[in-house]
Amino acid sequence: MAAAVMAATGLTTVTATAPAAASHREPRPVTKWIKPVEAHEPTWVKVYWKTGKKICDAAVTVEGTDVGIVYPSNTDTYTSFLNDAELKPGRPDYTAFRVRADRNRTTVVRLAATLTYNTCGDEAVEKSRTYRLRLPVLRNYDYDN
């Protein structure tokens, strides 16, 4: 009996969260984790993105505490997708930037990646959303404080 109640409750929970699945049409990172970097070593990293609906004129800026961020020279103040500033359903793409973690210890740094884009077309709507990312930092034993 208890198992049936738990199963029914679980089913209700799944049903209740189903409308949230509609938000998967919006662009989002494939994962919130970025590859690990060594402290004080400038390293190019990638954030992979996917979407359920085409977006245009995409630009991503990244911020974090105790990190330096450098964008590609062709965009300078932001990063965008490899192929162009569009992201299409079923065609994941990535943004890249160089990061320098200034904490010389093994830790995880929280980054905020703000994606600004429009919905494409003659009646395009401008949108912006900030995503929380995680950057693992490894202590650099070769670095002198």
N, C-alpha and C. Protein backbone atom coordinates (compact mmCIF):
# COMPACT_ATOMS: atom_id res chain seq x y z
N MET A 1 0.82 -1.19 0.00
CA MET A 1 0.00 0.00 0.00
C MET A 1 0.87 1.26 0.00
N ALA A 2 1.88 1.28 0.89
CA ALA A 2 2.76 2.45 0.97
C ALA A 2 3.50 2.65 -0.35
N ALA A 3 3.91 1.55 -0.98
CA ALA A 3 4.61 1.67 -2.26
C ALA A 3 3.69 2.27 -3.32
N ALA A 4 2.42 1.88 -3.28
CA ALA A 4 1.47 2.44 -4.24
C ALA A 4 1.27 3.93 -4.02
N VAL A 5 1.23 4.34 -2.74
CA VAL A 5 1.08 5.76 -2.42
C VAL A 5 2.31 6.52 -2.90
N MET A 6 3.50 5.96 -2.65
CA MET A 6 4.74 6.62 -3.09
C MET A 6 4.78 6.71 -4.60
N ALA A 7 4.38 5.65 -5.27
CA ALA A 7 4.38 5.68 -6.73
C ALA A 7 3.40 6.71 -7.24
N ALA A 8 2.24 6.78 -6.61
CA ALA A 8 1.25 7.77 -7.02
C ALA A 8 1.76 9.18 -6.77
N THR A 9 2.42 9.37 -5.64
CA THR A 9 2.99 10.68 -5.33
C THR A 9 4.07 11.04 -6.34
N GLY A 10 4.91 10.07 -6.66
CA GLY A 10 5.95 10.32 -7.66
C GLY A 10 5.35 10.67 -9.01
N LEU A 11 4.28 9.99 -9.38
CA LEU A 11 3.61 10.27 -10.64
C LEU A 11 3.04 11.68 -10.63
N THR A 12 2.47 12.07 -9.51
CA THR A 12 1.93 13.42 -9.38
C THR A 12 3.04 14.45 -9.53
N THR A 13 4.18 14.16 -8.91
CA THR A 13 5.32 15.08 -9.00
C THR A 13 5.77 15.23 -10.44
N VAL A 14 5.88 14.12 -11.15
CA VAL A 14 6.29 14.18 -12.55
C VAL A 14 5.28 14.97 -13.36
N THR A 15 4.01 14.71 -13.13
CA THR A 15 2.96 15.43 -13.85
C THR A 15 3.01 16.92 -13.53
N ALA A 16 3.27 17.25 -12.27
CA ALA A 16 3.30 18.66 -11.86
C ALA A 16 4.48 19.39 -12.48
N THR A 17 5.57 18.70 -12.74
CA THR A 17 6.73 19.36 -13.31
C THR A 17 6.73 19.35 -14.83
N ALA A 18 5.81 18.64 -15.45
CA ALA A 18 5.78 18.57 -16.91
C ALA A 18 5.69 19.94 -17.58
N PRO A 19 4.88 20.90 -17.09
CA PRO A 19 4.85 22.20 -17.74
C PRO A 19 6.22 22.89 -17.77
N ALA A 20 7.06 22.60 -16.81
CA ALA A 20 8.40 23.19 -16.81
C ALA A 20 9.20 22.71 -18.01
N ALA A 21 8.84 21.55 -18.54
CA ALA A 21 9.55 21.05 -19.71
C ALA A 21 9.43 21.99 -20.90
N ALA A 22 8.38 22.78 -20.93
CA ALA A 22 8.21 23.74 -22.02
C ALA A 22 9.34 24.75 -22.04
N SER A 23 9.96 25.01 -20.89
CA SER A 23 11.07 25.96 -20.83
C SER A 23 12.30 25.43 -21.55
N HIS A 24 12.31 24.15 -21.89
CA HIS A 24 13.45 23.58 -22.61
C HIS A 24 13.53 24.09 -24.04
N ARG A 25 12.60 24.88 -24.46
CA ARG A 25 12.69 25.51 -25.78
C ARG A 25 13.67 26.68 -25.73
N GLU A 26 13.89 27.21 -24.55
CA GLU A 26 14.81 28.34 -24.38
C GLU A 26 16.25 27.85 -24.47
N PRO A 27 17.16 28.71 -24.91
CA PRO A 27 18.57 28.31 -24.95
C PRO A 27 19.10 28.10 -23.54
N ARG A 28 20.06 27.18 -23.41
CA ARG A 28 20.65 26.90 -22.10
C ARG A 28 21.95 26.13 -22.28
N PRO A 29 22.84 26.22 -21.29
CA PRO A 29 24.06 25.42 -21.35
C PRO A 29 23.72 23.93 -21.28
N VAL A 30 24.50 23.12 -21.94
CA VAL A 30 24.32 21.67 -21.89
C VAL A 30 24.59 21.17 -20.48
N THR A 31 25.60 21.75 -19.82
CA THR A 31 25.94 21.43 -18.44
C THR A 31 26.41 22.71 -17.76
N LYS A 32 26.30 22.76 -16.45
CA LYS A 32 26.76 23.95 -15.73
C LYS A 32 28.25 23.86 -15.40
N TRP A 33 28.86 22.72 -15.65
CA TRP A 33 30.27 22.51 -15.31
C TRP A 33 31.18 22.84 -16.49
N ILE A 34 32.24 23.56 -16.20
CA ILE A 34 33.28 23.90 -17.18
C ILE A 34 34.49 23.03 -16.86
N LYS A 35 35.34 22.78 -17.84
CA LYS A 35 36.51 21.93 -17.59
C LYS A 35 37.40 22.56 -16.51
N PRO A 36 38.08 21.75 -15.71
CA PRO A 36 38.96 22.28 -14.66
C PRO A 36 40.13 23.07 -15.25
N VAL A 37 40.54 24.09 -14.51
CA VAL A 37 41.69 24.89 -14.90
C VAL A 37 42.66 24.95 -13.73
N GLU A 38 43.93 25.20 -14.04
CA GLU A 38 44.93 25.37 -13.00
C GLU A 38 44.96 26.84 -12.59
N ALA A 39 45.07 27.09 -11.30
CA ALA A 39 45.09 28.45 -10.79
C ALA A 39 46.23 29.25 -11.43
N HIS A 40 45.96 30.49 -11.75
CA HIS A 40 46.92 31.47 -12.30
C HIS A 40 47.43 31.11 -13.69
N GLU A 41 46.79 30.17 -14.37
CA GLU A 41 47.16 29.80 -15.74
C GLU A 41 46.03 30.20 -16.68
N PRO A 42 46.22 31.22 -17.51
CA PRO A 42 45.16 31.58 -18.46
C PRO A 42 44.82 30.38 -19.36
N THR A 43 43.55 30.03 -19.40
CA THR A 43 43.11 28.82 -20.10
C THR A 43 41.83 29.11 -20.89
N TRP A 44 41.82 28.69 -22.16
CA TRP A 44 40.59 28.80 -22.96
C TRP A 44 39.65 27.69 -22.55
N VAL A 45 38.40 28.04 -22.30
CA VAL A 45 37.38 27.06 -21.94
C VAL A 45 36.16 27.25 -22.85
N LYS A 46 35.33 26.23 -22.90
CA LYS A 46 34.12 26.26 -23.74
C LYS A 46 32.89 25.99 -22.89
N VAL A 47 31.80 26.63 -23.27
CA VAL A 47 30.49 26.32 -22.71
C VAL A 47 29.61 25.89 -23.88
N TYR A 48 29.13 24.66 -23.83
CA TYR A 48 28.26 24.15 -24.89
C TYR A 48 26.82 24.53 -24.59
N TRP A 49 26.09 24.91 -25.66
CA TRP A 49 24.71 25.39 -25.54
C TRP A 49 23.80 24.59 -26.45
N LYS A 50 22.52 24.51 -26.06
CA LYS A 50 21.48 23.92 -26.91
C LYS A 50 20.22 24.75 -26.76
N THR A 51 19.31 24.57 -27.70
CA THR A 51 18.05 25.31 -27.67
C THR A 51 16.95 24.49 -28.35
N GLY A 52 15.73 24.80 -28.03
CA GLY A 52 14.59 24.16 -28.69
C GLY A 52 13.97 25.07 -29.73
N LYS A 53 14.45 26.31 -29.80
CA LYS A 53 13.93 27.28 -30.76
C LYS A 53 15.09 28.15 -31.22
N LYS A 54 15.15 28.45 -32.51
CA LYS A 54 16.25 29.24 -33.07
C LYS A 54 16.37 30.59 -32.37
N ILE A 55 17.62 31.00 -32.10
CA ILE A 55 17.89 32.33 -31.56
C ILE A 55 18.92 33.02 -32.46
N CYS A 56 18.92 34.35 -32.45
CA CYS A 56 19.81 35.14 -33.30
C CYS A 56 20.55 36.20 -32.48
N ASP A 57 21.61 36.73 -33.07
CA ASP A 57 22.39 37.82 -32.49
C ASP A 57 22.79 37.54 -31.05
N ALA A 58 23.26 36.34 -30.79
CA ALA A 58 23.61 35.93 -29.43
C ALA A 58 24.96 36.50 -29.01
N ALA A 59 25.02 36.92 -27.76
CA ALA A 59 26.26 37.40 -27.14
C ALA A 59 26.26 36.92 -25.69
N VAL A 60 27.41 36.43 -25.24
CA VAL A 60 27.54 35.94 -23.87
C VAL A 60 28.65 36.71 -23.17
N THR A 61 28.35 37.19 -21.96
CA THR A 61 29.37 37.78 -21.09
C THR A 61 29.45 36.94 -19.83
N VAL A 62 30.65 36.90 -19.24
CA VAL A 62 30.88 36.04 -18.08
C VAL A 62 31.52 36.86 -16.97
N GLU A 63 31.07 36.62 -15.75
CA GLU A 63 31.62 37.29 -14.57
C GLU A 63 31.84 36.27 -13.47
N GLY A 64 32.78 36.58 -12.59
CA GLY A 64 33.01 35.75 -11.42
C GLY A 64 33.95 36.44 -10.46
N THR A 65 33.97 35.98 -9.23
CA THR A 65 34.85 36.54 -8.22
C THR A 65 36.22 35.88 -8.31
N ASP A 66 37.26 36.69 -8.25
CA ASP A 66 38.65 36.21 -8.29
C ASP A 66 38.99 35.48 -9.59
N VAL A 67 38.40 35.92 -10.69
CA VAL A 67 38.75 35.38 -12.00
C VAL A 67 38.88 36.53 -13.00
N GLY A 68 39.77 36.34 -13.95
CA GLY A 68 39.87 37.27 -15.07
C GLY A 68 39.29 36.60 -16.30
N ILE A 69 38.53 37.34 -17.08
CA ILE A 69 37.89 36.81 -18.28
C ILE A 69 38.37 37.60 -19.48
N VAL A 70 38.79 36.90 -20.53
CA VAL A 70 39.19 37.53 -21.79
C VAL A 70 38.38 36.86 -22.90
N TYR A 71 37.82 37.69 -23.78
CA TYR A 71 37.00 37.19 -24.87
C TYR A 71 37.81 37.09 -26.16
N PRO A 72 37.31 36.39 -27.16
CA PRO A 72 38.01 36.30 -28.45
C PRO A 72 38.24 37.70 -29.04
N SER A 73 39.34 37.85 -29.76
CA SER A 73 39.71 39.16 -30.31
C SER A 73 38.70 39.68 -31.33
N ASN A 74 37.98 38.79 -31.98
CA ASN A 74 37.01 39.26 -32.99
C ASN A 74 35.74 39.83 -32.37
N THR A 75 35.49 39.57 -31.09
CA THR A 75 34.32 40.13 -30.42
C THR A 75 34.71 41.09 -29.30
N ASP A 76 35.82 40.85 -28.65
CA ASP A 76 36.45 41.73 -27.66
C ASP A 76 35.71 41.87 -26.33
N THR A 77 34.43 42.23 -26.33
CA THR A 77 33.72 42.48 -25.08
C THR A 77 32.70 41.39 -24.74
N TYR A 78 32.64 40.35 -25.55
CA TYR A 78 31.71 39.25 -25.32
C TYR A 78 32.20 38.06 -26.14
N THR A 79 31.54 36.93 -25.98
CA THR A 79 31.80 35.76 -26.81
C THR A 79 30.49 35.34 -27.47
N SER A 80 30.59 34.64 -28.58
CA SER A 80 29.40 34.14 -29.26
C SER A 80 29.68 32.73 -29.76
N PHE A 81 28.75 32.16 -30.47
CA PHE A 81 28.89 30.78 -30.91
C PHE A 81 29.96 30.65 -31.99
N LEU A 82 30.51 29.46 -32.10
CA LEU A 82 31.61 29.21 -33.04
C LEU A 82 31.21 29.52 -34.48
N ASN A 83 30.07 29.01 -34.92
CA ASN A 83 29.71 29.13 -36.33
C ASN A 83 29.17 30.51 -36.70
N ASP A 84 28.36 31.09 -35.86
CA ASP A 84 27.84 32.45 -36.06
C ASP A 84 27.09 32.84 -34.80
N ALA A 85 26.34 33.90 -34.84
CA ALA A 85 25.63 34.37 -33.65
C ALA A 85 24.24 33.75 -33.52
N GLU A 86 24.03 32.62 -34.21
CA GLU A 86 22.75 31.92 -34.13
C GLU A 86 22.93 30.56 -33.47
N LEU A 87 21.88 30.11 -32.81
CA LEU A 87 21.84 28.77 -32.25
C LEU A 87 20.52 28.15 -32.70
N LYS A 88 20.62 26.93 -33.25
CA LYS A 88 19.44 26.28 -33.83
C LYS A 88 19.12 24.98 -33.10
N PRO A 89 17.84 24.60 -33.08
CA PRO A 89 17.45 23.34 -32.44
C PRO A 89 18.18 22.16 -33.06
N GLY A 90 18.61 21.24 -32.22
CA GLY A 90 19.28 20.04 -32.70
C GLY A 90 20.70 20.26 -33.18
N ARG A 91 21.24 21.48 -33.02
CA ARG A 91 22.60 21.79 -33.46
C ARG A 91 23.36 22.51 -32.35
N PRO A 92 23.77 21.77 -31.31
CA PRO A 92 24.51 22.41 -30.22
C PRO A 92 25.75 23.13 -30.75
N ASP A 93 26.14 24.16 -30.07
CA ASP A 93 27.32 24.94 -30.42
C ASP A 93 27.96 25.40 -29.12
N TYR A 94 29.11 26.03 -29.22
CA TYR A 94 29.76 26.47 -27.98
C TYR A 94 30.23 27.92 -28.08
N THR A 95 30.37 28.50 -26.90
CA THR A 95 31.02 29.79 -26.75
C THR A 95 32.35 29.53 -26.05
N ALA A 96 33.34 30.38 -26.31
CA ALA A 96 34.66 30.18 -25.70
C ALA A 96 35.15 31.50 -25.11
N PHE A 97 35.92 31.39 -24.04
CA PHE A 97 36.56 32.54 -23.43
C PHE A 97 37.77 32.05 -22.65
N ARG A 98 38.67 32.96 -22.38
CA ARG A 98 39.87 32.61 -21.60
C ARG A 98 39.64 33.04 -20.16
N VAL A 99 39.94 32.16 -19.25
CA VAL A 99 39.74 32.43 -17.83
C VAL A 99 41.07 32.28 -17.09
N ARG A 100 41.27 33.13 -16.10
CA ARG A 100 42.44 33.03 -15.21
C ARG A 100 41.90 33.08 -13.79
N ALA A 101 41.98 31.95 -13.10
CA ALA A 101 41.51 31.88 -11.72
C ALA A 101 42.61 32.39 -10.79
N ASP A 102 42.28 33.36 -9.96
CA ASP A 102 43.27 34.00 -9.10
C ASP A 102 43.29 33.45 -7.68
N ARG A 103 42.63 32.35 -7.44
CA ARG A 103 42.68 31.69 -6.13
C ARG A 103 43.63 30.50 -6.26
N ASN A 104 44.70 30.50 -5.51
CA ASN A 104 45.66 29.39 -5.63
C ASN A 104 45.33 28.29 -4.63
N ARG A 105 44.20 27.69 -4.84
CA ARG A 105 43.78 26.53 -4.06
C ARG A 105 42.78 25.75 -4.88
N THR A 106 42.60 24.51 -4.52
CA THR A 106 41.61 23.69 -5.20
C THR A 106 40.23 24.09 -4.69
N THR A 107 39.39 24.51 -5.60
CA THR A 107 38.07 25.02 -5.24
C THR A 107 37.17 24.99 -6.47
N VAL A 108 35.96 25.41 -6.29
CA VAL A 108 35.02 25.59 -7.40
C VAL A 108 34.58 27.04 -7.39
N VAL A 109 34.80 27.74 -8.50
CA VAL A 109 34.42 29.14 -8.62
C VAL A 109 33.09 29.22 -9.35
N ARG A 110 32.21 30.03 -8.83
CA ARG A 110 30.91 30.23 -9.48
C ARG A 110 31.03 31.36 -10.50
N LEU A 111 30.54 31.09 -11.69
CA LEU A 111 30.53 32.08 -12.76
C LEU A 111 29.09 32.38 -13.15
N ALA A 112 28.88 33.61 -13.60
CA ALA A 112 27.57 34.00 -14.12
C ALA A 112 27.74 34.30 -15.60
N ALA A 113 27.07 33.53 -16.45
CA ALA A 113 27.13 33.72 -17.90
C ALA A 113 25.80 34.31 -18.36
N THR A 114 25.84 35.53 -18.87
CA THR A 114 24.62 36.19 -19.33
C THR A 114 24.53 36.09 -20.85
N LEU A 115 23.48 35.42 -21.31
CA LEU A 115 23.21 35.26 -22.73
C LEU A 115 22.17 36.29 -23.14
N THR A 116 22.54 37.14 -24.09
CA THR A 116 21.62 38.13 -24.66
C THR A 116 21.40 37.73 -26.11
N TYR A 117 20.14 37.74 -26.56
CA TYR A 117 19.82 37.28 -27.91
C TYR A 117 18.47 37.83 -28.32
N ASN A 118 18.07 37.54 -29.56
CA ASN A 118 16.69 37.83 -29.97
C ASN A 118 16.08 36.59 -30.61
N THR A 119 14.77 36.65 -30.80
CA THR A 119 14.02 35.49 -31.28
C THR A 119 13.99 35.36 -32.80
N CYS A 120 14.73 36.19 -33.51
CA CYS A 120 14.89 36.14 -34.96
C CYS A 120 13.65 36.67 -35.69
N GLY A 121 13.87 37.10 -36.91
CA GLY A 121 12.77 37.52 -37.77
C GLY A 121 12.41 38.99 -37.64
N ASP A 122 11.38 39.38 -38.41
CA ASP A 122 10.95 40.78 -38.46
C ASP A 122 10.40 41.28 -37.13
N GLU A 123 9.80 40.39 -36.36
CA GLU A 123 9.23 40.80 -35.07
C GLU A 123 10.01 40.18 -33.91
N ALA A 124 11.33 40.16 -34.05
CA ALA A 124 12.19 39.56 -33.04
C ALA A 124 12.05 40.27 -31.70
N VAL A 125 12.08 39.48 -30.65
CA VAL A 125 12.00 40.00 -29.29
C VAL A 125 13.37 39.83 -28.63
N GLU A 126 13.90 40.90 -28.04
CA GLU A 126 15.17 40.83 -27.33
C GLU A 126 14.97 40.11 -26.00
N LYS A 127 15.91 39.23 -25.66
CA LYS A 127 15.84 38.50 -24.40
C LYS A 127 17.23 38.42 -23.79
N SER A 128 17.25 38.21 -22.48
CA SER A 128 18.51 38.05 -21.77
C SER A 128 18.27 37.17 -20.55
N ARG A 129 19.23 36.30 -20.29
CA ARG A 129 19.12 35.43 -19.12
C ARG A 129 20.51 35.11 -18.61
N THR A 130 20.63 35.03 -17.29
CA THR A 130 21.90 34.70 -16.67
C THR A 130 21.85 33.26 -16.16
N TYR A 131 22.91 32.51 -16.47
CA TYR A 131 23.04 31.12 -16.06
C TYR A 131 24.21 30.99 -15.09
N ARG A 132 24.06 30.14 -14.10
CA ARG A 132 25.12 29.89 -13.12
C ARG A 132 25.96 28.72 -13.60
N LEU A 133 27.26 28.95 -13.71
CA LEU A 133 28.20 27.91 -14.14
C LEU A 133 29.19 27.63 -13.01
N ARG A 134 29.86 26.49 -13.10
CA ARG A 134 30.85 26.08 -12.10
C ARG A 134 32.18 25.84 -12.79
N LEU A 135 33.23 26.46 -12.25
CA LEU A 135 34.59 26.32 -12.79
C LEU A 135 35.47 25.66 -11.73
N PRO A 136 35.83 24.38 -11.89
CA PRO A 136 36.75 23.75 -10.96
C PRO A 136 38.16 24.34 -11.14
N VAL A 137 38.78 24.71 -10.04
CA VAL A 137 40.13 25.28 -10.06
C VAL A 137 41.04 24.35 -9.27
N LEU A 138 42.17 24.02 -9.88
CA LEU A 138 43.17 23.17 -9.23
C LEU A 138 44.32 24.02 -8.72
N ARG A 139 44.78 23.72 -7.53
CA ARG A 139 45.90 24.47 -6.97
C ARG A 139 47.11 24.33 -7.88
N ASN A 140 47.83 25.43 -8.06
CA ASN A 140 49.03 25.47 -8.89
C ASN A 140 50.24 25.47 -7.98
N TYR A 141 50.86 24.31 -7.83
CA TYR A 141 51.99 24.18 -6.91
C TYR A 141 53.25 24.85 -7.44
N ASP A 142 53.26 25.21 -8.72
CA ASP A 142 54.41 25.91 -9.31
C ASP A 142 54.30 27.42 -9.15
N TYR A 143 53.17 27.90 -8.65
CA TYR A 143 52.95 29.34 -8.53
C TYR A 143 53.38 29.81 -7.15
N ASP A 144 54.20 30.86 -7.12
CA ASP A 144 54.62 31.47 -5.85
C ASP A 144 53.68 32.61 -5.53
N ASN A 145 53.13 32.59 -4.34
CA ASN A 145 52.24 33.68 -3.92
C ASN A 145 53.05 34.91 -3.82
